PDB file of N, CA and C in Angstrom:
ATOM      1  N   MET A   1      40.298  56.613  37.791  1.00  0.00           N
ATOM      2  CA  MET A   1      38.849  56.691  37.797  1.00  0.00           C
ATOM      3  C   MET A   1      38.312  55.585  36.902  1.00  0.00           C
ATOM      4  N   GLN A   2      37.403  54.808  37.405  1.00  0.00           N
ATOM      5  CA  GLN A   2      36.863  53.671  36.667  1.00  0.00           C
ATOM      6  C   GLN A   2      35.382  53.905  36.371  1.00  0.00           C
ATOM      7  N   THR A   3      35.077  54.534  35.264  1.00  0.00           N
ATOM      8  CA  THR A   3      33.682  54.823  34.947  1.00  0.00           C
ATOM      9  C   THR A   3      32.926  53.585  34.489  1.00  0.00           C
ATOM     10  N   ARG A   4      33.629  52.566  34.055  1.00  0.00           N
ATOM     11  CA  ARG A   4      32.938  51.373  33.549  1.00  0.00           C
ATOM     12  C   ARG A   4      32.355  50.521  34.668  1.00  0.00           C
ATOM     13  N   GLN A   5      32.705  50.829  35.920  1.00  0.00           N
ATOM     14  CA  GLN A   5      32.276  49.993  37.033  1.00  0.00           C
ATOM     15  C   GLN A   5      30.968  50.434  37.671  1.00  0.00           C
ATOM     16  N   ASP A   6      30.346  51.475  37.182  1.00  0.00           N
ATOM     17  CA  ASP A   6      29.078  51.899  37.767  1.00  0.00           C
ATOM     18  C   ASP A   6      28.123  52.373  36.674  1.00  0.00           C
ATOM     19  N   ASN A   7      26.936  52.786  37.073  1.00  0.00           N
ATOM     20  CA  ASN A   7      25.932  53.163  36.082  1.00  0.00           C
ATOM     21  C   ASN A   7      25.691  54.663  36.021  1.00  0.00           C
ATOM     22  N   LYS A   8      26.584  55.470  36.572  1.00  0.00           N
ATOM     23  CA  LYS A   8      26.424  56.924  36.514  1.00  0.00           C
ATOM     24  C   LYS A   8      26.565  57.387  35.072  1.00  0.00           C
ATOM     25  N   LEU A   9      25.831  58.421  34.728  1.00  0.00           N
ATOM     26  CA  LEU A   9      25.901  58.935  33.370  1.00  0.00           C
ATOM     27  C   LEU A   9      26.715  60.211  33.274  1.00  0.00           C
ATOM     28  N   LYS A  10      26.925  60.909  34.391  1.00  0.00           N
ATOM     29  CA  LYS A  10      27.656  62.173  34.339  1.00  0.00           C
ATOM     30  C   LYS A  10      28.698  62.233  35.443  1.00  0.00           C
ATOM     31  N   TYR A  11      29.881  62.720  35.051  1.00  0.00           N
ATOM     32  CA  TYR A  11      31.009  62.862  35.967  1.00  0.00           C
ATOM     33  C   TYR A  11      31.572  64.265  35.823  1.00  0.00           C
ATOM     34  N   GLU A  12      32.084  64.805  36.901  1.00  0.00           N
ATOM     35  CA  GLU A  12      32.845  66.043  36.859  1.00  0.00           C
ATOM     36  C   GLU A  12      34.197  65.741  37.479  1.00  0.00           C
ATOM     37  N   ILE A  13      35.251  66.060  36.747  1.00  0.00           N
ATOM     38  CA  ILE A  13      36.591  65.776  37.235  1.00  0.00           C
ATOM     39  C   ILE A  13      37.463  67.014  37.118  1.00  0.00           C
ATOM     40  N   ARG A  14      38.517  67.030  37.900  1.00  0.00           N
ATOM     41  CA  ARG A  14      39.434  68.159  37.913  1.00  0.00           C
ATOM     42  C   ARG A  14      40.866  67.639  37.883  1.00  0.00           C
ATOM     43  N   PHE A  15      41.659  68.246  37.025  1.00  0.00           N
ATOM     44  CA  PHE A  15      43.099  68.038  36.967  1.00  0.00           C
ATOM     45  C   PHE A  15      43.756  69.358  37.349  1.00  0.00           C
ATOM     46  N   SER A  16      45.019  69.329  37.667  1.00  0.00           N
ATOM     47  CA  SER A  16      45.785  70.560  37.877  1.00  0.00           C
ATOM     48  C   SER A  16      46.577  70.836  36.613  1.00  0.00           C
ATOM     49  N   VAL A  17      45.855  71.274  35.582  1.00  0.00           N
ATOM     50  CA  VAL A  17      46.470  71.529  34.274  1.00  0.00           C
ATOM     51  C   VAL A  17      45.947  72.836  33.706  1.00  0.00           C
ATOM     52  N   PRO A  18      46.662  73.422  32.752  1.00  0.00           N
ATOM     53  CA  PRO A  18      46.196  74.652  32.117  1.00  0.00           C
ATOM     54  C   PRO A  18      44.992  74.408  31.196  1.00  0.00           C
ATOM     55  N   LEU A  19      44.372  75.502  30.788  1.00  0.00           N
ATOM     56  CA  LEU A  19      43.199  75.471  29.923  1.00  0.00           C
ATOM     57  C   LEU A  19      43.433  74.662  28.649  1.00  0.00           C
ATOM     58  N   ALA A  20      44.573  74.836  28.015  1.00  0.00           N
ATOM     59  CA  ALA A  20      44.850  74.130  26.759  1.00  0.00           C
ATOM     60  C   ALA A  20      44.817  72.617  26.945  1.00  0.00           C
ATOM     61  N   VAL A  21      45.306  72.134  28.074  1.00  0.00           N
ATOM     62  CA  VAL A  21      45.305  70.688  28.315  1.00  0.00           C
ATOM     63  C   VAL A  21      43.882  70.200  28.570  1.00  0.00           C
ATOM     64  N   TYR A  22      43.098  70.979  29.313  1.00  0.00           N
ATOM     65  CA  TYR A  22      41.690  70.618  29.493  1.00  0.00           C
ATOM     66  C   TYR A  22      40.992  70.499  28.138  1.00  0.00           C
ATOM     67  N   LYS A  23      41.256  71.442  27.247  1.00  0.00           N
ATOM     68  CA  LYS A  23      40.632  71.401  25.918  1.00  0.00           C
ATOM     69  C   LYS A  23      41.094  70.173  25.137  1.00  0.00           C
ATOM     70  N   GLU A  24      42.357  69.816  25.281  1.00  0.00           N
ATOM     71  CA  GLU A  24      42.872  68.616  24.618  1.00  0.00           C
ATOM     72  C   GLU A  24      42.181  67.360  25.145  1.00  0.00           C
ATOM     73  N   ILE A  25      42.026  67.269  26.463  1.00  0.00           N
ATOM     74  CA  ILE A  25      41.355  66.118  27.065  1.00  0.00           C
ATOM     75  C   ILE A  25      39.909  66.041  26.570  1.00  0.00           C
ATOM     76  N   ALA A  26      39.212  67.179  26.587  1.00  0.00           N
ATOM     77  CA  ALA A  26      37.812  67.210  26.136  1.00  0.00           C
ATOM     78  C   ALA A  26      37.707  66.790  24.670  1.00  0.00           C
ATOM     79  N   ALA A  27      38.608  67.286  23.830  1.00  0.00           N
ATOM     80  CA  ALA A  27      38.586  66.922  22.408  1.00  0.00           C
ATOM     81  C   ALA A  27      38.845  65.433  22.222  1.00  0.00           C
ATOM     82  N   HIS A  28      39.747  64.899  22.997  1.00  0.00           N
ATOM     83  CA  HIS A  28      40.062  63.471  22.919  1.00  0.00           C
ATOM     84  C   HIS A  28      38.844  62.638  23.328  1.00  0.00           C
ATOM     85  N   LEU A  29      38.197  63.032  24.430  1.00  0.00           N
ATOM     86  CA  LEU A  29      37.029  62.280  24.920  1.00  0.00           C
ATOM     87  C   LEU A  29      35.842  62.368  23.968  1.00  0.00           C
ATOM     88  N   CYS A  30      35.683  63.496  23.286  1.00  0.00           N
ATOM     89  CA  CYS A  30      34.551  63.665  22.364  1.00  0.00           C
ATOM     90  C   CYS A  30      34.621  62.714  21.171  1.00  0.00           C
ATOM     91  N   GLN A  31      35.774  62.136  20.941  1.00  0.00           N
ATOM     92  CA  GLN A  31      35.915  61.186  19.839  1.00  0.00           C
ATOM     93  C   GLN A  31      35.341  59.816  20.170  1.00  0.00           C
ATOM     94  N   VAL A  32      35.014  59.596  21.441  1.00  0.00           N
ATOM     95  CA  VAL A  32      34.459  58.314  21.871  1.00  0.00           C
ATOM     96  C   VAL A  32      32.952  58.317  21.618  1.00  0.00           C
ATOM     97  N   GLU A  33      32.459  57.256  21.023  1.00  0.00           N
ATOM     98  CA  GLU A  33      31.033  57.153  20.706  1.00  0.00           C
ATOM     99  C   GLU A  33      30.182  57.172  21.983  1.00  0.00           C
ATOM    100  N   GLY A  34      29.154  58.031  21.980  1.00  0.00           N
ATOM    101  CA  GLY A  34      28.228  58.108  23.104  1.00  0.00           C
ATOM    102  C   GLY A  34      28.707  58.976  24.256  1.00  0.00           C
ATOM    103  N   VAL A  35      29.760  59.774  24.022  1.00  0.00           N
ATOM    104  CA  VAL A  35      30.326  60.606  25.079  1.00  0.00           C
ATOM    105  C   VAL A  35      30.281  62.068  24.668  1.00  0.00           C
ATOM    106  N   GLU A  36      29.847  62.908  25.595  1.00  0.00           N
ATOM    107  CA  GLU A  36      29.883  64.362  25.427  1.00  0.00           C
ATOM    108  C   GLU A  36      30.710  64.930  26.563  1.00  0.00           C
ATOM    109  N   THR A  37      31.377  66.047  26.308  1.00  0.00           N
ATOM    110  CA  THR A  37      32.177  66.694  27.348  1.00  0.00           C
ATOM    111  C   THR A  37      32.002  68.197  27.275  1.00  0.00           C
ATOM    112  N   GLY A  38      32.410  68.849  28.324  1.00  0.00           N
ATOM    113  CA  GLY A  38      32.408  70.306  28.370  1.00  0.00           C
ATOM    114  C   GLY A  38      33.244  70.771  29.548  1.00  0.00           C
ATOM    115  N   LEU A  39      33.446  72.073  29.616  1.00  0.00           N
ATOM    116  CA  LEU A  39      34.272  72.649  30.669  1.00  0.00           C
ATOM    117  C   LEU A  39      33.459  73.630  31.498  1.00  0.00           C
ATOM    118  N   TYR A  40      33.643  73.571  32.807  1.00  0.00           N
ATOM    119  CA  TYR A  40      33.067  74.560  33.712  1.00  0.00           C
ATOM    120  C   TYR A  40      34.131  75.602  34.000  1.00  0.00           C
ATOM    121  N   PRO A  41      33.775  76.872  34.042  1.00  0.00           N
ATOM    122  CA  PRO A  41      34.777  77.910  34.325  1.00  0.00           C
ATOM    123  C   PRO A  41      35.259  77.830  35.770  1.00  0.00           C
ATOM    124  N   ALA A  42      36.444  78.384  36.001  1.00  0.00           N
ATOM    125  CA  ALA A  42      36.989  78.455  37.354  1.00  0.00           C
ATOM    126  C   ALA A  42      36.099  79.362  38.193  1.00  0.00           C
ATOM    127  N   ARG A  43      36.040  79.091  39.481  1.00  0.00           N
ATOM    128  CA  ARG A  43      35.173  79.867  40.365  1.00  0.00           C
ATOM    129  C   ARG A  43      35.882  81.038  41.041  1.00  0.00           C
ATOM    130  N   SER A  44      37.181  81.071  40.950  1.00  0.00           N
ATOM    131  CA  SER A  44      37.929  82.149  41.591  1.00  0.00           C
ATOM    132  C   SER A  44      37.702  83.460  40.835  1.00  0.00           C
ATOM    133  N   PRO A  45      37.391  84.537  41.540  1.00  0.00           N
ATOM    134  CA  PRO A  45      37.176  85.816  40.869  1.00  0.00           C
ATOM    135  C   PRO A  45      38.474  86.474  40.416  1.00  0.00           C
ATOM    136  N   GLU A  46      39.620  85.982  40.902  1.00  0.00           N
ATOM    137  CA  GLU A  46      40.906  86.565  40.551  1.00  0.00           C
ATOM    138  C   GLU A  46      41.602  85.717  39.496  1.00  0.00           C
ATOM    139  N   PHE A  47      42.155  86.389  38.502  1.00  0.00           N
ATOM    140  CA  PHE A  47      42.884  85.698  37.450  1.00  0.00           C
ATOM    141  C   PHE A  47      44.299  85.420  37.923  1.00  0.00           C
ATOM    142  N   ASP A  48      44.746  84.201  37.760  1.00  0.00           N
ATOM    143  CA  ASP A  48      46.121  83.816  38.057  1.00  0.00           C
ATOM    144  C   ASP A  48      46.619  83.003  36.878  1.00  0.00           C
ATOM    145  N   TYR A  49      47.563  83.556  36.149  1.00  0.00           N
ATOM    146  CA  TYR A  49      48.056  82.909  34.943  1.00  0.00           C
ATOM    147  C   TYR A  49      48.617  81.515  35.219  1.00  0.00           C
ATOM    148  N   ASN A  50      49.148  81.289  36.410  1.00  0.00           N
ATOM    149  CA  ASN A  50      49.747  80.004  36.746  1.00  0.00           C
ATOM    150  C   ASN A  50      48.731  78.957  37.171  1.00  0.00           C
ATOM    151  N   GLN A  51      47.483  79.333  37.330  1.00  0.00           N
ATOM    152  CA  GLN A  51      46.428  78.400  37.709  1.00  0.00           C
ATOM    153  C   GLN A  51      45.546  78.115  36.497  1.00  0.00           C
ATOM    154  N   SER A  52      44.859  77.001  36.536  1.00  0.00           N
ATOM    155  CA  SER A  52      43.953  76.670  35.447  1.00  0.00           C
ATOM    156  C   SER A  52      42.766  77.630  35.463  1.00  0.00           C
ATOM    157  N   GLN A  53      42.294  77.968  34.320  1.00  0.00           N
ATOM    158  CA  GLN A  53      41.113  78.824  34.213  1.00  0.00           C
ATOM    159  C   GLN A  53      39.852  77.978  34.051  1.00  0.00           C
ATOM    160  N   VAL A  54      39.967  76.703  34.394  1.00  0.00           N
ATOM    161  CA  VAL A  54      38.851  75.769  34.308  1.00  0.00           C
ATOM    162  C   VAL A  54      38.550  75.239  35.703  1.00  0.00           C
ATOM    163  N   GLY A  55      37.267  75.201  36.038  1.00  0.00           N
ATOM    164  CA  GLY A  55      36.860  74.652  37.326  1.00  0.00           C
ATOM    165  C   GLY A  55      36.817  73.140  37.300  1.00  0.00           C
ATOM    166  N   ALA A  56      36.300  72.590  36.213  1.00  0.00           N
ATOM    167  CA  ALA A  56      36.193  71.136  36.082  1.00  0.00           C
ATOM    168  C   ALA A  56      35.830  70.782  34.644  1.00  0.00           C
ATOM    169  N   LEU A  57      36.034  69.538  34.323  1.00  0.00           N
ATOM    170  CA  LEU A  57      35.642  68.958  33.044  1.00  0.00           C
ATOM    171  C   LEU A  57      34.475  68.031  33.313  1.00  0.00           C
ATOM    172  N   TRP A  58      33.402  68.149  32.541  1.00  0.00           N
ATOM    173  CA  TRP A  58      32.307  67.196  32.723  1.00  0.00           C
ATOM    174  C   TRP A  58      32.309  66.203  31.564  1.00  0.00           C
ATOM    175  N   ILE A  59      31.940  65.000  31.907  1.00  0.00           N
ATOM    176  CA  ILE A  59      31.838  63.897  30.948  1.00  0.00           C
ATOM    177  C   ILE A  59      30.450  63.308  31.116  1.00  0.00           C
ATOM    178  N   GLN A  60      29.743  63.172  30.009  1.00  0.00           N
ATOM    179  CA  GLN A  60      28.406  62.587  30.077  1.00  0.00           C
ATOM    180  C   GLN A  60      28.272  61.490  29.040  1.00  0.00           C
ATOM    181  N   TYR A  61      27.767  60.345  29.511  1.00  0.00           N
ATOM    182  CA  TYR A  61      27.497  59.216  28.626  1.00  0.00           C
ATOM    183  C   TYR A  61      26.052  59.263  28.178  1.00  0.00           C
ATOM    184  N   SER A  62      25.806  58.920  26.915  1.00  0.00           N
ATOM    185  CA  SER A  62      24.434  58.744  26.458  1.00  0.00           C
ATOM    186  C   SER A  62      23.916  57.423  27.005  1.00  0.00           C
ATOM    187  N   GLN A  63      22.610  57.244  26.963  1.00  0.00           N
ATOM    188  CA  GLN A  63      22.010  55.991  27.442  1.00  0.00           C
ATOM    189  C   GLN A  63      22.526  54.790  26.643  1.00  0.00           C
ATOM    190  N   SER A  64      22.903  55.040  25.394  1.00  0.00           N
ATOM    191  CA  SER A  64      23.341  53.942  24.527  1.00  0.00           C
ATOM    192  C   SER A  64      24.841  53.644  24.633  1.00  0.00           C
ATOM    193  N   ALA A  65      25.584  54.434  25.397  1.00  0.00           N
ATOM    194  CA  ALA A  65      27.031  54.196  25.512  1.00  0.00           C
ATOM    195  C   ALA A  65      27.275  52.864  26.212  1.00  0.00           C
ATOM    196  N   GLY A  66      28.050  52.046  25.585  1.00  0.00           N
ATOM    197  CA  GLY A  66      28.296  50.712  26.131  1.00  0.00           C
ATOM    198  C   GLY A  66      29.605  50.610  26.897  1.00  0.00           C
ATOM    199  N   LEU A  67      29.925  49.403  27.264  1.00  0.00           N
ATOM    200  CA  LEU A  67      31.132  49.113  28.024  1.00  0.00           C
ATOM    201  C   LEU A  67      32.387  49.535  27.261  1.00  0.00           C
ATOM    202  N   GLU A  68      32.387  49.337  25.958  1.00  0.00           N
ATOM    203  CA  GLU A  68      33.554  49.699  25.154  1.00  0.00           C
ATOM    204  C   GLU A  68      33.836  51.197  25.237  1.00  0.00           C
ATOM    205  N   SER A  69      32.797  52.019  25.181  1.00  0.00           N
ATOM    206  CA  SER A  69      32.974  53.469  25.297  1.00  0.00           C
ATOM    207  C   SER A  69      33.518  53.846  26.665  1.00  0.00           C
ATOM    208  N   ARG A  70      32.986  53.230  27.699  1.00  0.00           N
ATOM    209  CA  ARG A  70      33.456  53.522  29.063  1.00  0.00           C
ATOM    210  C   ARG A  70      34.915  53.090  29.244  1.00  0.00           C
ATOM    211  N   GLU A  71      35.283  51.962  28.648  1.00  0.00           N
ATOM    212  CA  GLU A  71      36.672  51.514  28.729  1.00  0.00           C
ATOM    213  C   GLU A  71      37.601  52.483  28.014  1.00  0.00           C
ATOM    214  N   GLN A  72      37.163  52.999  26.855  1.00  0.00           N
ATOM    215  CA  GLN A  72      37.972  53.977  26.131  1.00  0.00           C
ATOM    216  C   GLN A  72      38.156  55.247  26.958  1.00  0.00           C
ATOM    217  N   VAL A  73      37.085  55.720  27.592  1.00  0.00           N
ATOM    218  CA  VAL A  73      37.188  56.912  28.440  1.00  0.00           C
ATOM    219  C   VAL A  73      38.152  56.648  29.589  1.00  0.00           C
ATOM    220  N   ASP A  74      38.042  55.505  30.228  1.00  0.00           N
ATOM    221  CA  ASP A  74      38.947  55.171  31.324  1.00  0.00           C
ATOM    222  C   ASP A  74      40.403  55.151  30.854  1.00  0.00           C
ATOM    223  N   GLN A  75      40.649  54.634  29.665  1.00  0.00           N
ATOM    224  CA  GLN A  75      42.010  54.600  29.126  1.00  0.00           C
ATOM    225  C   GLN A  75      42.532  56.004  28.845  1.00  0.00           C
ATOM    226  N   ILE A  76      41.689  56.849  28.297  1.00  0.00           N
ATOM    227  CA  ILE A  76      42.084  58.234  28.014  1.00  0.00           C
ATOM    228  C   ILE A  76      42.391  58.969  29.316  1.00  0.00           C
ATOM    229  N   LEU A  77      41.506  58.834  30.304  1.00  0.00           N
ATOM    230  CA  LEU A  77      41.736  59.499  31.585  1.00  0.00           C
ATOM    231  C   LEU A  77      42.993  58.969  32.270  1.00  0.00           C
ATOM    232  N   ALA A  78      43.245  57.677  32.163  1.00  0.00           N
ATOM    233  CA  ALA A  78      44.454  57.088  32.750  1.00  0.00           C
ATOM    234  C   ALA A  78      45.705  57.665  32.093  1.00  0.00           C
ATOM    235  N   TYR A  79      45.653  57.853  30.787  1.00  0.00           N
ATOM    236  CA  TYR A  79      46.787  58.449  30.077  1.00  0.00           C
ATOM    237  C   TYR A  79      47.098  59.835  30.628  1.00  0.00           C
ATOM    238  N   TYR A  80      46.078  60.668  30.727  1.00  0.00           N
ATOM    239  CA  TYR A  80      46.301  62.034  31.208  1.00  0.00           C
ATOM    240  C   TYR A  80      46.665  62.057  32.690  1.00  0.00           C
ATOM    241  N   GLN A  81      46.118  61.138  33.440  1.00  0.00           N
ATOM    242  CA  GLN A  81      46.465  61.058  34.853  1.00  0.00           C
ATOM    243  C   GLN A  81      47.939  60.659  35.016  1.00  0.00           C
ATOM    244  N   ASN A  82      48.408  59.728  34.221  1.00  0.00           N
ATOM    245  CA  ASN A  82      49.820  59.332  34.272  1.00  0.00           C
ATOM    246  C   ASN A  82      50.738  60.471  33.850  1.00  0.00           C
ATOM    247  N   ARG A  83      50.260  61.280  32.933  1.00  0.00           N
ATOM    248  CA  ARG A  83      51.078  62.372  32.409  1.00  0.00           C
ATOM    249  C   ARG A  83      51.070  63.608  33.301  1.00  0.00           C
ATOM    250  N   TYR A  84      49.910  63.935  33.886  1.00  0.00           N
ATOM    251  CA  TYR A  84      49.767  65.198  34.603  1.00  0.00           C
ATOM    252  C   TYR A  84      49.479  65.060  36.097  1.00  0.00           C
ATOM    253  N   GLY A  85      49.278  63.866  36.569  1.00  0.00           N
ATOM    254  CA  GLY A  85      49.009  63.681  37.986  1.00  0.00           C
ATOM    255  C   GLY A  85      47.562  63.310  38.234  1.00  0.00           C
ATOM    256  N   LYS A  86      47.296  63.024  39.474  1.00  0.00           N
ATOM    257  CA  LYS A  86      45.990  62.505  39.883  1.00  0.00           C
ATOM    258  C   LYS A  86      44.849  63.455  39.532  1.00  0.00           C
ATOM    259  N   LEU A  87      43.759  62.852  39.073  1.00  0.00           N
ATOM    260  CA  LEU A  87      42.545  63.615  38.839  1.00  0.00           C
ATOM    261  C   LEU A  87      41.664  63.512  40.071  1.00  0.00           C
ATOM    262  N   GLU A  88      40.767  64.449  40.206  1.00  0.00           N
ATOM    263  CA  GLU A  88      39.837  64.460  41.340  1.00  0.00           C
ATOM    264  C   GLU A  88      38.422  64.434  40.790  1.00  0.00           C
ATOM    265  N   GLU A  89      37.624  63.492  41.281  1.00  0.00           N
ATOM    266  CA  GLU A  89      36.215  63.480  40.904  1.00  0.00           C
ATOM    267  C   GLU A  89      35.518  64.513  41.769  1.00  0.00           C
ATOM    268  N   VAL A  90      34.895  65.500  41.129  1.00  0.00           N
ATOM    269  CA  VAL A  90      34.314  66.621  41.836  1.00  0.00           C
ATOM    270  C   VAL A  90      32.894  66.345  42.249  1.00  0.00           C
ATOM    271  N   HIS A  91      32.089  65.854  41.322  1.00  0.00           N
ATOM    272  CA  HIS A  91      30.661  65.687  41.564  1.00  0.00           C
ATOM    273  C   HIS A  91      30.146  64.691  40.541  1.00  0.00           C
ATOM    274  N   THR A  92      29.217  63.870  40.961  1.00  0.00           N
ATOM    275  CA  THR A  92      28.604  62.948  40.002  1.00  0.00           C
ATOM    276  C   THR A  92      27.103  62.977  40.142  1.00  0.00           C
ATOM    277  N   GLU A  93      26.438  62.688  39.080  1.00  0.00           N
ATOM    278  CA  GLU A  93      24.986  62.557  39.082  1.00  0.00           C
ATOM    279  C   GLU A  93      24.664  61.135  38.677  1.00  0.00           C
ATOM    280  N   VAL A  94      23.722  60.537  39.353  1.00  0.00           N
ATOM    281  CA  VAL A  94      23.292  59.195  38.988  1.00  0.00           C
ATOM    282  C   VAL A  94      22.242  59.316  37.913  1.00  0.00           C
ATOM    283  N   GLY A  95      22.389  58.541  36.855  1.00  0.00           N
ATOM    284  CA  GLY A  95      21.460  58.632  35.751  1.00  0.00           C
ATOM    285  C   GLY A  95      20.567  57.461  35.634  1.00  0.00           C
TER     286      GLY A  95
END
């Protein structure tokens, strides 16, 4: 996922990982200047311990977030994608 190549301010992405890994990714991304993150709950009404309890991770850039911040986010996402498999962009909003 290349967030530095467009002007969108909000992204929703999904990995096939457990809740703890989603929290790790969100914590890692929150360290980047001008970036906020959060988690959407899973939509399935049934609990399955082997499935993630997260529906998606959202990433939002502030208006002041520059190219360097977007590059850092792309590097972080690439790391987790290499480690856990392909991510899926769920929904984006143009800002």
